[in-house]
């Protein structure tokens, strides 16, 4: 098992301190992931920027949750699955959606299930998709914009999921009730 340092505002590199202060202000705490990422200020900045950009895509809160949690579960991220369970609750996403994603069971909503399935195809096949898979995704009501937006969300999740694997980031207290294991 590996671990990386989880910084606070005082111990972080100077360039990361404003980013950690922003996290403290926004979350009322410094999430462990942010403390770890602060060791590399540009990686931390990239993560925060990608997060902000992804939340500004065409996806609604349910769709954002589907993309995030599908990737988190597929990547077996012990930190992000509970964190995004809590975030989904804050975003008022139906608990049934979150539980289906956590348990890898099909979603009742066909459009959301198409989003989950296509996200998995992108992740598992490293971006290699067939025309038929694209056509199925488009038939569900999505388009080229959403294909590219999934890739944006995946970019964000690769930073967080891989960092958490290497750092063995402890799950933050507010998210511990949502602990998860594949």
N, C-alpha and C. Protein backbone atom coordinates (compact mmCIF):
# COMPACT_ATOMS: atom_id res chain seq x y z
N UNK A 1 0.85 -1.18 0.00
CA UNK A 1 0.00 0.00 0.00
C UNK A 1 0.89 1.24 0.00
N UNK A 2 0.56 2.19 -0.85
CA UNK A 2 1.32 3.43 -0.92
C UNK A 2 0.53 4.57 -0.31
N UNK A 3 1.23 5.60 0.05
CA UNK A 3 0.57 6.80 0.52
C UNK A 3 1.36 8.01 0.04
N UNK A 4 0.66 9.09 -0.14
CA UNK A 4 1.28 10.37 -0.45
C UNK A 4 0.84 11.34 0.63
N UNK A 5 1.59 12.41 0.81
CA UNK A 5 1.30 13.38 1.84
C UNK A 5 -0.02 14.10 1.55
N UNK A 6 -0.83 14.27 2.59
CA UNK A 6 -2.05 15.06 2.52
C UNK A 6 -1.73 16.40 3.18
N UNK A 7 -1.58 17.42 2.36
CA UNK A 7 -1.20 18.75 2.86
C UNK A 7 -2.38 19.50 3.45
N UNK A 8 -2.05 20.43 4.34
CA UNK A 8 -2.99 21.46 4.77
C UNK A 8 -2.46 22.79 4.23
N UNK A 9 -3.14 23.86 4.52
CA UNK A 9 -2.73 25.16 3.97
C UNK A 9 -1.30 25.51 4.39
N UNK A 10 -0.94 25.21 5.63
CA UNK A 10 0.39 25.58 6.13
C UNK A 10 1.50 24.76 5.48
N UNK A 11 1.26 23.47 5.24
CA UNK A 11 2.33 22.59 4.74
C UNK A 11 2.42 22.55 3.21
N UNK A 12 1.43 23.06 2.52
CA UNK A 12 1.37 22.97 1.06
C UNK A 12 2.39 23.89 0.40
N UNK A 13 2.82 23.53 -0.80
CA UNK A 13 3.65 24.44 -1.57
C UNK A 13 2.93 25.80 -1.74
N UNK A 14 3.70 26.84 -1.80
CA UNK A 14 3.15 28.21 -1.84
C UNK A 14 2.11 28.37 -2.96
N UNK A 15 2.39 27.82 -4.12
CA UNK A 15 1.50 27.97 -5.28
C UNK A 15 0.14 27.28 -5.07
N UNK A 16 0.11 26.29 -4.18
CA UNK A 16 -1.14 25.56 -3.92
C UNK A 16 -1.99 26.20 -2.83
N UNK A 17 -1.41 27.05 -2.03
CA UNK A 17 -2.14 27.60 -0.89
C UNK A 17 -3.43 28.31 -1.29
N UNK A 18 -3.42 29.16 -2.34
CA UNK A 18 -4.70 29.79 -2.73
C UNK A 18 -5.75 28.77 -3.18
N UNK A 19 -5.31 27.67 -3.81
CA UNK A 19 -6.24 26.62 -4.25
C UNK A 19 -6.84 25.90 -3.05
N UNK A 20 -6.02 25.65 -2.04
CA UNK A 20 -6.53 25.01 -0.82
C UNK A 20 -7.46 25.95 -0.07
N UNK A 21 -7.15 27.23 -0.07
CA UNK A 21 -8.04 28.21 0.57
C UNK A 21 -9.39 28.24 -0.13
N UNK A 22 -9.37 28.13 -1.45
CA UNK A 22 -10.62 28.07 -2.23
C UNK A 22 -11.41 26.81 -1.86
N UNK A 23 -10.72 25.69 -1.69
CA UNK A 23 -11.38 24.44 -1.28
C UNK A 23 -11.99 24.59 0.11
N UNK A 24 -11.23 25.16 1.01
CA UNK A 24 -11.71 25.37 2.39
C UNK A 24 -12.97 26.22 2.38
N UNK A 25 -12.95 27.27 1.59
CA UNK A 25 -14.10 28.18 1.51
C UNK A 25 -15.30 27.48 0.87
N UNK A 26 -15.07 26.74 -0.19
CA UNK A 26 -16.15 26.10 -0.94
C UNK A 26 -16.76 24.90 -0.25
N UNK A 27 -15.93 24.12 0.47
CA UNK A 27 -16.40 22.88 1.07
C UNK A 27 -16.52 22.95 2.58
N UNK A 28 -16.00 24.00 3.18
CA UNK A 28 -15.98 24.08 4.63
C UNK A 28 -14.93 23.17 5.24
N UNK A 29 -14.09 22.62 4.39
CA UNK A 29 -12.99 21.73 4.79
C UNK A 29 -12.07 21.60 3.59
N UNK A 30 -10.94 20.98 3.79
CA UNK A 30 -10.06 20.67 2.67
C UNK A 30 -10.20 19.17 2.40
N UNK A 31 -10.86 18.81 1.29
CA UNK A 31 -10.97 17.39 0.96
C UNK A 31 -9.57 16.76 0.86
N UNK A 32 -9.47 15.53 1.33
CA UNK A 32 -8.19 14.83 1.30
C UNK A 32 -7.56 14.81 -0.08
N UNK A 33 -8.36 14.59 -1.10
CA UNK A 33 -7.84 14.59 -2.47
C UNK A 33 -7.15 15.91 -2.78
N UNK A 34 -7.74 17.01 -2.38
CA UNK A 34 -7.16 18.33 -2.64
C UNK A 34 -5.85 18.49 -1.88
N UNK A 35 -5.81 17.96 -0.65
CA UNK A 35 -4.58 18.00 0.12
C UNK A 35 -3.46 17.24 -0.55
N UNK A 36 -3.79 16.10 -1.15
CA UNK A 36 -2.79 15.31 -1.87
C UNK A 36 -2.36 16.03 -3.14
N UNK A 37 -3.33 16.49 -3.92
CA UNK A 37 -3.02 17.15 -5.19
C UNK A 37 -2.19 18.41 -5.01
N UNK A 38 -2.27 19.01 -3.84
CA UNK A 38 -1.54 20.27 -3.63
C UNK A 38 -0.03 20.09 -3.70
N UNK A 39 0.47 18.85 -3.60
CA UNK A 39 1.91 18.62 -3.77
C UNK A 39 2.38 19.01 -5.17
N UNK A 40 1.46 18.98 -6.13
CA UNK A 40 1.77 19.34 -7.52
C UNK A 40 0.80 20.44 -7.93
N UNK A 41 1.16 21.71 -7.70
CA UNK A 41 0.22 22.81 -7.92
C UNK A 41 -0.46 22.83 -9.29
N UNK A 42 0.26 22.52 -10.33
CA UNK A 42 -0.35 22.55 -11.67
C UNK A 42 -1.33 21.40 -11.88
N UNK A 43 -1.05 20.24 -11.28
CA UNK A 43 -2.00 19.13 -11.36
C UNK A 43 -3.25 19.47 -10.58
N UNK A 44 -3.08 20.07 -9.42
CA UNK A 44 -4.22 20.50 -8.59
C UNK A 44 -5.05 21.52 -9.35
N UNK A 45 -4.40 22.49 -9.96
CA UNK A 45 -5.11 23.52 -10.73
C UNK A 45 -5.85 22.89 -11.92
N UNK A 46 -5.19 21.95 -12.59
CA UNK A 46 -5.83 21.28 -13.73
C UNK A 46 -7.07 20.53 -13.26
N UNK A 47 -6.97 19.82 -12.14
CA UNK A 47 -8.12 19.08 -11.62
C UNK A 47 -9.28 20.03 -11.31
N UNK A 48 -8.99 21.11 -10.61
CA UNK A 48 -10.06 22.06 -10.27
C UNK A 48 -10.67 22.69 -11.52
N UNK A 49 -9.83 22.99 -12.50
CA UNK A 49 -10.33 23.59 -13.74
C UNK A 49 -11.21 22.59 -14.50
N UNK A 50 -10.75 21.35 -14.61
CA UNK A 50 -11.55 20.33 -15.31
C UNK A 50 -12.87 20.11 -14.59
N UNK A 51 -12.84 20.09 -13.26
CA UNK A 51 -14.07 19.93 -12.50
C UNK A 51 -15.05 21.05 -12.82
N UNK A 52 -14.57 22.27 -12.77
CA UNK A 52 -15.43 23.43 -13.05
C UNK A 52 -16.00 23.35 -14.46
N UNK A 53 -15.15 23.05 -15.43
CA UNK A 53 -15.60 22.96 -16.82
C UNK A 53 -16.62 21.85 -17.01
N UNK A 54 -16.40 20.70 -16.37
CA UNK A 54 -17.34 19.59 -16.52
C UNK A 54 -18.70 19.94 -15.94
N UNK A 55 -18.73 20.65 -14.83
CA UNK A 55 -20.02 21.03 -14.24
C UNK A 55 -20.76 22.05 -15.09
N UNK A 56 -20.07 22.68 -16.04
CA UNK A 56 -20.68 23.67 -16.92
C UNK A 56 -21.06 23.09 -18.28
N UNK A 57 -20.99 21.77 -18.44
CA UNK A 57 -21.35 21.14 -19.71
C UNK A 57 -22.87 21.09 -19.86
N UNK A 58 -23.30 20.42 -20.90
CA UNK A 58 -24.74 20.29 -21.16
C UNK A 58 -25.43 19.30 -20.23
N UNK A 59 -24.66 18.57 -19.44
CA UNK A 59 -25.23 17.56 -18.56
C UNK A 59 -25.92 18.18 -17.35
N UNK A 60 -27.08 17.60 -16.98
CA UNK A 60 -27.78 18.02 -15.76
C UNK A 60 -27.17 17.27 -14.58
N UNK A 61 -27.59 17.55 -13.34
CA UNK A 61 -26.99 16.88 -12.17
C UNK A 61 -27.05 15.35 -12.22
N UNK A 62 -28.14 14.80 -12.70
CA UNK A 62 -28.22 13.34 -12.80
C UNK A 62 -27.19 12.81 -13.79
N UNK A 63 -27.07 13.47 -14.93
CA UNK A 63 -26.13 13.01 -15.96
C UNK A 63 -24.68 13.19 -15.50
N UNK A 64 -24.39 14.30 -14.83
CA UNK A 64 -23.05 14.49 -14.27
C UNK A 64 -22.72 13.33 -13.34
N UNK A 65 -23.68 12.99 -12.48
CA UNK A 65 -23.49 11.90 -11.52
C UNK A 65 -23.28 10.57 -12.24
N UNK A 66 -24.04 10.32 -13.29
CA UNK A 66 -23.89 9.08 -14.04
C UNK A 66 -22.48 8.97 -14.61
N UNK A 67 -21.99 10.03 -15.21
CA UNK A 67 -20.64 9.98 -15.79
C UNK A 67 -19.60 9.81 -14.68
N UNK A 68 -19.66 10.66 -13.66
CA UNK A 68 -18.67 10.57 -12.58
C UNK A 68 -18.66 9.20 -11.92
N UNK A 69 -19.84 8.74 -11.47
CA UNK A 69 -19.88 7.49 -10.71
C UNK A 69 -19.59 6.27 -11.57
N UNK A 70 -19.99 6.29 -12.82
CA UNK A 70 -19.67 5.17 -13.71
C UNK A 70 -18.17 5.01 -13.79
N UNK A 71 -17.47 6.11 -13.96
CA UNK A 71 -16.01 6.07 -14.06
C UNK A 71 -15.40 5.70 -12.71
N UNK A 72 -15.88 6.31 -11.63
CA UNK A 72 -15.35 6.00 -10.29
C UNK A 72 -15.47 4.52 -9.96
N UNK A 73 -16.63 3.94 -10.26
CA UNK A 73 -16.86 2.53 -9.96
C UNK A 73 -15.99 1.65 -10.86
N UNK A 74 -15.94 1.97 -12.13
CA UNK A 74 -15.11 1.18 -13.06
C UNK A 74 -13.64 1.24 -12.66
N UNK A 75 -13.19 2.40 -12.19
CA UNK A 75 -11.80 2.55 -11.74
C UNK A 75 -11.59 2.07 -10.30
N UNK A 76 -12.67 1.62 -9.66
CA UNK A 76 -12.62 1.11 -8.28
C UNK A 76 -12.00 2.13 -7.32
N UNK A 77 -12.47 3.37 -7.38
CA UNK A 77 -11.92 4.42 -6.52
C UNK A 77 -12.60 4.44 -5.16
N UNK A 78 -11.88 3.99 -4.15
CA UNK A 78 -12.38 3.90 -2.78
C UNK A 78 -12.75 5.28 -2.21
N UNK A 79 -12.15 6.33 -2.74
CA UNK A 79 -12.37 7.69 -2.24
C UNK A 79 -13.50 8.39 -3.01
N UNK A 80 -13.46 8.32 -4.33
CA UNK A 80 -14.41 9.09 -5.14
C UNK A 80 -15.84 8.53 -5.13
N UNK A 81 -16.00 7.22 -5.01
CA UNK A 81 -17.37 6.68 -4.97
C UNK A 81 -18.12 7.24 -3.76
N UNK A 82 -17.55 7.18 -2.54
CA UNK A 82 -18.28 7.77 -1.42
C UNK A 82 -18.42 9.29 -1.54
N UNK A 83 -17.36 9.95 -2.03
CA UNK A 83 -17.43 11.42 -2.17
C UNK A 83 -18.55 11.81 -3.13
N UNK A 84 -18.64 11.12 -4.26
CA UNK A 84 -19.67 11.48 -5.23
C UNK A 84 -21.06 10.98 -4.81
N UNK A 85 -21.12 10.05 -3.91
CA UNK A 85 -22.41 9.69 -3.31
C UNK A 85 -22.92 10.88 -2.50
N UNK A 86 -22.05 11.44 -1.69
CA UNK A 86 -22.42 12.63 -0.90
C UNK A 86 -22.72 13.82 -1.78
N UNK A 87 -21.91 14.01 -2.82
CA UNK A 87 -22.13 15.13 -3.75
C UNK A 87 -23.47 14.97 -4.46
N UNK A 88 -23.80 13.74 -4.87
CA UNK A 88 -25.09 13.48 -5.52
C UNK A 88 -26.24 13.85 -4.60
N UNK A 89 -26.11 13.52 -3.32
CA UNK A 89 -27.14 13.90 -2.35
C UNK A 89 -27.27 15.42 -2.27
N UNK A 90 -26.14 16.11 -2.26
CA UNK A 90 -26.17 17.58 -2.23
C UNK A 90 -26.82 18.16 -3.49
N UNK A 91 -26.64 17.45 -4.62
CA UNK A 91 -27.20 17.89 -5.89
C UNK A 91 -28.65 17.43 -6.05
N UNK A 92 -29.17 16.74 -5.03
CA UNK A 92 -30.55 16.24 -5.02
C UNK A 92 -30.83 15.21 -6.12
N UNK A 93 -29.82 14.39 -6.42
CA UNK A 93 -29.98 13.29 -7.36
C UNK A 93 -30.67 12.16 -6.63
N UNK A 94 -31.62 11.52 -7.27
CA UNK A 94 -32.38 10.41 -6.70
C UNK A 94 -31.43 9.33 -6.20
N UNK A 95 -31.62 8.91 -4.95
CA UNK A 95 -30.78 7.87 -4.35
C UNK A 95 -30.80 6.57 -5.16
N UNK A 96 -31.90 6.28 -5.85
CA UNK A 96 -31.99 5.06 -6.65
C UNK A 96 -30.95 5.08 -7.78
N UNK A 97 -30.70 6.25 -8.34
CA UNK A 97 -29.68 6.38 -9.40
C UNK A 97 -28.31 6.09 -8.80
N UNK A 98 -28.02 6.72 -7.68
CA UNK A 98 -26.73 6.55 -7.04
C UNK A 98 -26.49 5.09 -6.65
N UNK A 99 -27.50 4.45 -6.08
CA UNK A 99 -27.34 3.05 -5.66
C UNK A 99 -27.13 2.13 -6.86
N UNK A 100 -27.85 2.37 -7.94
CA UNK A 100 -27.65 1.55 -9.14
C UNK A 100 -26.23 1.71 -9.67
N UNK A 101 -25.74 2.94 -9.67
CA UNK A 101 -24.37 3.17 -10.15
C UNK A 101 -23.35 2.49 -9.24
N UNK A 102 -23.53 2.64 -7.94
CA UNK A 102 -22.60 2.02 -6.98
C UNK A 102 -22.60 0.50 -7.09
N UNK A 103 -23.77 -0.07 -7.42
CA UNK A 103 -23.93 -1.53 -7.48
C UNK A 103 -23.80 -2.09 -8.89
N UNK A 104 -23.54 -1.21 -9.85
CA UNK A 104 -23.38 -1.61 -11.26
C UNK A 104 -24.59 -2.35 -11.80
N UNK A 105 -25.77 -1.84 -11.44
CA UNK A 105 -27.01 -2.39 -11.98
C UNK A 105 -27.61 -1.38 -12.95
N UNK A 106 -28.35 -1.86 -13.94
CA UNK A 106 -28.91 -0.94 -14.94
C UNK A 106 -29.80 0.12 -14.30
N UNK A 107 -29.75 1.31 -14.88
CA UNK A 107 -30.60 2.41 -14.45
C UNK A 107 -31.98 2.26 -15.08
N UNK A 108 -33.02 2.62 -14.34
CA UNK A 108 -34.38 2.51 -14.86
C UNK A 108 -34.63 3.46 -16.02
N UNK A 109 -34.06 4.65 -15.96
CA UNK A 109 -34.23 5.65 -17.01
C UNK A 109 -33.38 5.24 -18.21
N UNK A 110 -34.01 5.00 -19.35
CA UNK A 110 -33.31 4.49 -20.53
C UNK A 110 -32.23 5.44 -21.03
N UNK A 111 -32.51 6.74 -21.00
CA UNK A 111 -31.52 7.71 -21.48
C UNK A 111 -30.29 7.72 -20.56
N UNK A 112 -30.52 7.69 -19.25
CA UNK A 112 -29.39 7.65 -18.32
C UNK A 112 -28.62 6.33 -18.44
N UNK A 113 -29.33 5.25 -18.69
CA UNK A 113 -28.66 3.96 -18.88
C UNK A 113 -27.80 3.99 -20.14
N UNK A 114 -28.28 4.65 -21.19
CA UNK A 114 -27.48 4.78 -22.42
C UNK A 114 -26.21 5.59 -22.13
N UNK A 115 -26.33 6.61 -21.30
CA UNK A 115 -25.16 7.42 -20.91
C UNK A 115 -24.18 6.57 -20.10
N UNK A 116 -24.70 5.79 -19.16
CA UNK A 116 -23.84 4.91 -18.35
C UNK A 116 -23.12 3.90 -19.24
N UNK A 117 -23.87 3.27 -20.12
CA UNK A 117 -23.30 2.24 -20.99
C UNK A 117 -22.23 2.83 -21.91
N UNK A 118 -22.51 3.98 -22.51
CA UNK A 118 -21.55 4.58 -23.43
C UNK A 118 -20.30 5.06 -22.68
N UNK A 119 -20.49 5.59 -21.48
CA UNK A 119 -19.33 6.00 -20.67
C UNK A 119 -18.45 4.79 -20.39
N UNK A 120 -19.06 3.67 -20.03
CA UNK A 120 -18.29 2.44 -19.79
C UNK A 120 -17.54 1.99 -21.03
N UNK A 121 -18.18 2.09 -22.19
CA UNK A 121 -17.53 1.70 -23.44
C UNK A 121 -16.29 2.56 -23.66
N UNK A 122 -16.42 3.86 -23.46
CA UNK A 122 -15.27 4.75 -23.64
C UNK A 122 -14.14 4.37 -22.67
N UNK A 123 -14.49 4.17 -21.41
CA UNK A 123 -13.47 3.85 -20.41
C UNK A 123 -12.82 2.50 -20.70
N UNK A 124 -13.62 1.49 -20.89
CA UNK A 124 -13.09 0.13 -21.06
C UNK A 124 -12.30 -0.04 -22.36
N UNK A 125 -12.71 0.68 -23.39
CA UNK A 125 -12.06 0.53 -24.70
C UNK A 125 -11.10 1.67 -25.01
N UNK A 126 -10.80 2.47 -23.99
CA UNK A 126 -9.85 3.58 -24.12
C UNK A 126 -10.16 4.48 -25.30
N UNK A 127 -11.45 4.76 -25.45
CA UNK A 127 -11.89 5.69 -26.48
C UNK A 127 -12.19 5.07 -27.82
N UNK A 128 -11.96 3.79 -27.97
CA UNK A 128 -12.27 3.12 -29.23
C UNK A 128 -13.74 2.69 -29.19
N UNK A 129 -14.56 3.32 -30.03
CA UNK A 129 -15.97 2.98 -30.09
C UNK A 129 -16.35 2.67 -31.54
N UNK A 130 -17.38 1.86 -31.69
CA UNK A 130 -17.84 1.51 -33.03
C UNK A 130 -18.91 2.50 -33.48
N UNK A 131 -19.18 2.49 -34.77
CA UNK A 131 -20.27 3.30 -35.32
C UNK A 131 -21.59 2.89 -34.68
N UNK A 132 -21.80 1.61 -34.48
CA UNK A 132 -23.04 1.12 -33.88
C UNK A 132 -23.20 1.64 -32.44
N UNK A 133 -22.10 1.65 -31.69
CA UNK A 133 -22.16 2.16 -30.32
C UNK A 133 -22.48 3.65 -30.29
N UNK A 134 -21.87 4.40 -31.22
CA UNK A 134 -22.20 5.83 -31.33
C UNK A 134 -23.66 6.01 -31.72
N UNK A 135 -24.10 5.25 -32.71
CA UNK A 135 -25.49 5.38 -33.17
C UNK A 135 -26.48 5.09 -32.05
N UNK A 136 -26.19 4.09 -31.24
CA UNK A 136 -27.06 3.76 -30.10
C UNK A 136 -27.11 4.92 -29.11
N UNK A 137 -25.94 5.51 -28.84
CA UNK A 137 -25.86 6.65 -27.93
C UNK A 137 -26.65 7.83 -28.50
N UNK A 138 -26.49 8.09 -29.78
CA UNK A 138 -27.22 9.19 -30.43
C UNK A 138 -28.73 8.93 -30.42
N UNK A 139 -29.12 7.69 -30.62
CA UNK A 139 -30.55 7.34 -30.64
C UNK A 139 -31.19 7.58 -29.27
N UNK A 140 -30.40 7.58 -28.22
CA UNK A 140 -30.91 7.83 -26.86
C UNK A 140 -31.13 9.31 -26.60
N UNK A 141 -30.70 10.15 -27.55
CA UNK A 141 -30.92 11.59 -27.38
C UNK A 141 -29.68 12.41 -27.14
N UNK A 142 -28.52 11.78 -27.25
CA UNK A 142 -27.26 12.50 -27.07
C UNK A 142 -26.62 12.77 -28.43
N UNK A 143 -25.57 13.58 -28.44
CA UNK A 143 -24.90 13.91 -29.69
C UNK A 143 -23.40 14.00 -29.52
N UNK A 144 -22.75 14.54 -30.53
CA UNK A 144 -21.30 14.65 -30.52
C UNK A 144 -20.80 15.48 -29.33
N UNK A 145 -21.54 16.53 -28.98
CA UNK A 145 -21.13 17.35 -27.84
C UNK A 145 -20.99 16.50 -26.58
N UNK A 146 -21.96 15.64 -26.33
CA UNK A 146 -21.94 14.83 -25.12
C UNK A 146 -20.84 13.77 -25.16
N UNK A 147 -20.51 13.27 -26.36
CA UNK A 147 -19.37 12.35 -26.48
C UNK A 147 -18.12 13.03 -25.95
N UNK A 148 -17.90 14.25 -26.41
CA UNK A 148 -16.69 14.99 -26.02
C UNK A 148 -16.76 15.42 -24.55
N UNK A 149 -17.95 15.69 -24.05
CA UNK A 149 -18.09 16.06 -22.65
C UNK A 149 -17.82 14.88 -21.72
N UNK A 150 -18.15 13.67 -22.14
CA UNK A 150 -17.80 12.48 -21.36
C UNK A 150 -16.27 12.40 -21.25
N UNK A 151 -15.59 12.67 -22.35
CA UNK A 151 -14.13 12.63 -22.34
C UNK A 151 -13.57 13.69 -21.38
N UNK A 152 -14.19 14.84 -21.31
CA UNK A 152 -13.79 15.86 -20.34
C UNK A 152 -13.95 15.33 -18.92
N UNK A 153 -15.11 14.74 -18.61
CA UNK A 153 -15.34 14.18 -17.29
C UNK A 153 -14.36 13.06 -16.97
N UNK A 154 -14.05 12.24 -17.96
CA UNK A 154 -13.08 11.17 -17.78
C UNK A 154 -11.70 11.74 -17.47
N UNK A 155 -11.34 12.83 -18.13
CA UNK A 155 -10.04 13.47 -17.86
C UNK A 155 -9.95 13.89 -16.40
N UNK A 156 -11.01 14.48 -15.89
CA UNK A 156 -11.04 14.88 -14.48
C UNK A 156 -10.91 13.65 -13.58
N UNK A 157 -11.67 12.60 -13.89
CA UNK A 157 -11.70 11.42 -13.04
C UNK A 157 -10.39 10.64 -13.08
N UNK A 158 -9.68 10.65 -14.19
CA UNK A 158 -8.38 9.98 -14.23
C UNK A 158 -7.44 10.63 -13.22
N UNK A 159 -7.44 11.96 -13.17
CA UNK A 159 -6.59 12.64 -12.19
C UNK A 159 -6.96 12.22 -10.77
N UNK A 160 -8.24 12.27 -10.43
CA UNK A 160 -8.63 11.97 -9.05
C UNK A 160 -8.53 10.48 -8.74
N UNK A 161 -9.05 9.63 -9.60
CA UNK A 161 -9.04 8.20 -9.30
C UNK A 161 -7.62 7.65 -9.19
N UNK A 162 -6.77 7.99 -10.14
CA UNK A 162 -5.40 7.47 -10.11
C UNK A 162 -4.63 8.03 -8.92
N UNK A 163 -4.84 9.31 -8.63
CA UNK A 163 -4.19 9.91 -7.46
C UNK A 163 -4.61 9.18 -6.20
N UNK A 164 -5.89 8.92 -6.05
CA UNK A 164 -6.38 8.25 -4.84
C UNK A 164 -5.86 6.82 -4.73
N UNK A 165 -5.68 6.14 -5.86
CA UNK A 165 -5.11 4.79 -5.81
C UNK A 165 -3.68 4.83 -5.27
N UNK A 166 -2.90 5.75 -5.81
CA UNK A 166 -1.49 5.84 -5.42
C UNK A 166 -1.35 6.39 -4.00
N UNK A 167 -2.16 7.40 -3.67
CA UNK A 167 -2.05 8.06 -2.36
C UNK A 167 -2.74 7.30 -1.25
N UNK A 168 -3.65 6.40 -1.61
CA UNK A 168 -4.50 5.74 -0.61
C UNK A 168 -5.17 6.82 0.25
N UNK A 169 -5.74 7.81 -0.41
CA UNK A 169 -6.33 8.96 0.26
C UNK A 169 -7.42 8.51 1.23
N UNK A 170 -7.32 8.93 2.50
CA UNK A 170 -8.39 8.59 3.45
C UNK A 170 -9.71 9.25 3.05
N UNK A 171 -10.81 8.53 3.18
CA UNK A 171 -12.13 9.09 2.88
C UNK A 171 -12.45 10.14 3.93
N UNK A 172 -12.88 11.30 3.48
CA UNK A 172 -13.20 12.41 4.38
C UNK A 172 -14.39 12.04 5.27
N UNK A 173 -14.38 12.55 6.49
CA UNK A 173 -15.41 12.23 7.49
C UNK A 173 -16.84 12.38 6.97
N UNK A 174 -17.18 13.47 6.23
CA UNK A 174 -18.57 13.59 5.78
C UNK A 174 -19.00 12.48 4.81
N UNK A 175 -18.03 11.83 4.17
CA UNK A 175 -18.35 10.81 3.17
C UNK A 175 -18.16 9.38 3.69
N UNK A 176 -17.64 9.22 4.90
CA UNK A 176 -17.42 7.89 5.45
C UNK A 176 -18.69 7.06 5.56
N UNK A 177 -19.87 7.67 5.83
CA UNK A 177 -21.08 6.84 5.85
C UNK A 177 -21.40 6.20 4.49
N UNK A 178 -20.78 6.69 3.43
CA UNK A 178 -21.03 6.18 2.09
C UNK A 178 -19.90 5.30 1.59
N UNK A 179 -19.09 4.78 2.51
CA UNK A 179 -17.94 3.95 2.15
C UNK A 179 -18.37 2.89 1.13
N UNK A 180 -17.43 2.53 0.27
CA UNK A 180 -17.74 1.62 -0.84
C UNK A 180 -16.54 0.76 -1.16
N UNK A 181 -16.83 -0.47 -1.54
CA UNK A 181 -15.80 -1.39 -2.01
C UNK A 181 -16.40 -2.18 -3.15
N UNK A 182 -15.62 -2.41 -4.19
CA UNK A 182 -16.12 -3.19 -5.34
C UNK A 182 -16.26 -4.64 -4.94
